[in-house]
């Protein structure tokens, strides 16, 4: 005995009516070459194109973010260097000792102020009373204190060579 029809349902019962998966496939239903009743859908290629499009858009977005971040970092470096260059410069005793030990010249330290890149990792902008900014140029990293009346060199580091310096 066949099951009773479902009220409001599409087609009734079992069989080749409109109720099975074959009926829902409509004209796209084809038999496999071996005679099986598995439905075959036409491949449009939008899957691969869609994935490639999504990948390209993500790559473009990441590139745009990287460019924006680089510009922001460069602008911040320029602002800090401009402020530090606007005041007279002084060297601390510790900086003079480290420059002597690490074979860093006054010119190398000054070059960090003119064309050095700001290192957020080594800077301490919240230091009081003088915020400290680390600027890197080549092998030299110089930490400058932005005091009210002067720009003071706090220390100098050679990023390539580890010099065995004594206490200063």
Foldseek 3Di string as FASTA:
>chain_A
DFDDADPPDQDGTDDDHCPDPQNVCPPQFDADPVRHRDGDHDDDCVVVVVVVVVVVVVVVVVVVVVVVVVVVQVVVLVVVLVLQVVAAEEEDPQAVQQCVQVVPDPVNQVVQSVDFGWDPVPWAQPDPPWGWIWTDDPQKIWIWTNHDHHIYTHHIDRNPDDGPGDDD
